[in-house]
């Protein structure tokens, strides 16, 4: 279940990042993606 949530969440952020045209929207999405990937990696590492 955790892996499915991570995949869906990453795909949604990736689509939002790919659809962005303005640097004003790209920077916060990259920051959110970086933090989310870090904490998702920590959570997944804790489960293994």
Foldseek 3Di string as FASTA:
>chain_A
DLVVVVVVVLVVLVVVLVPDDDPVVNVVSVVVNVVVVVVSVVVVVVVD
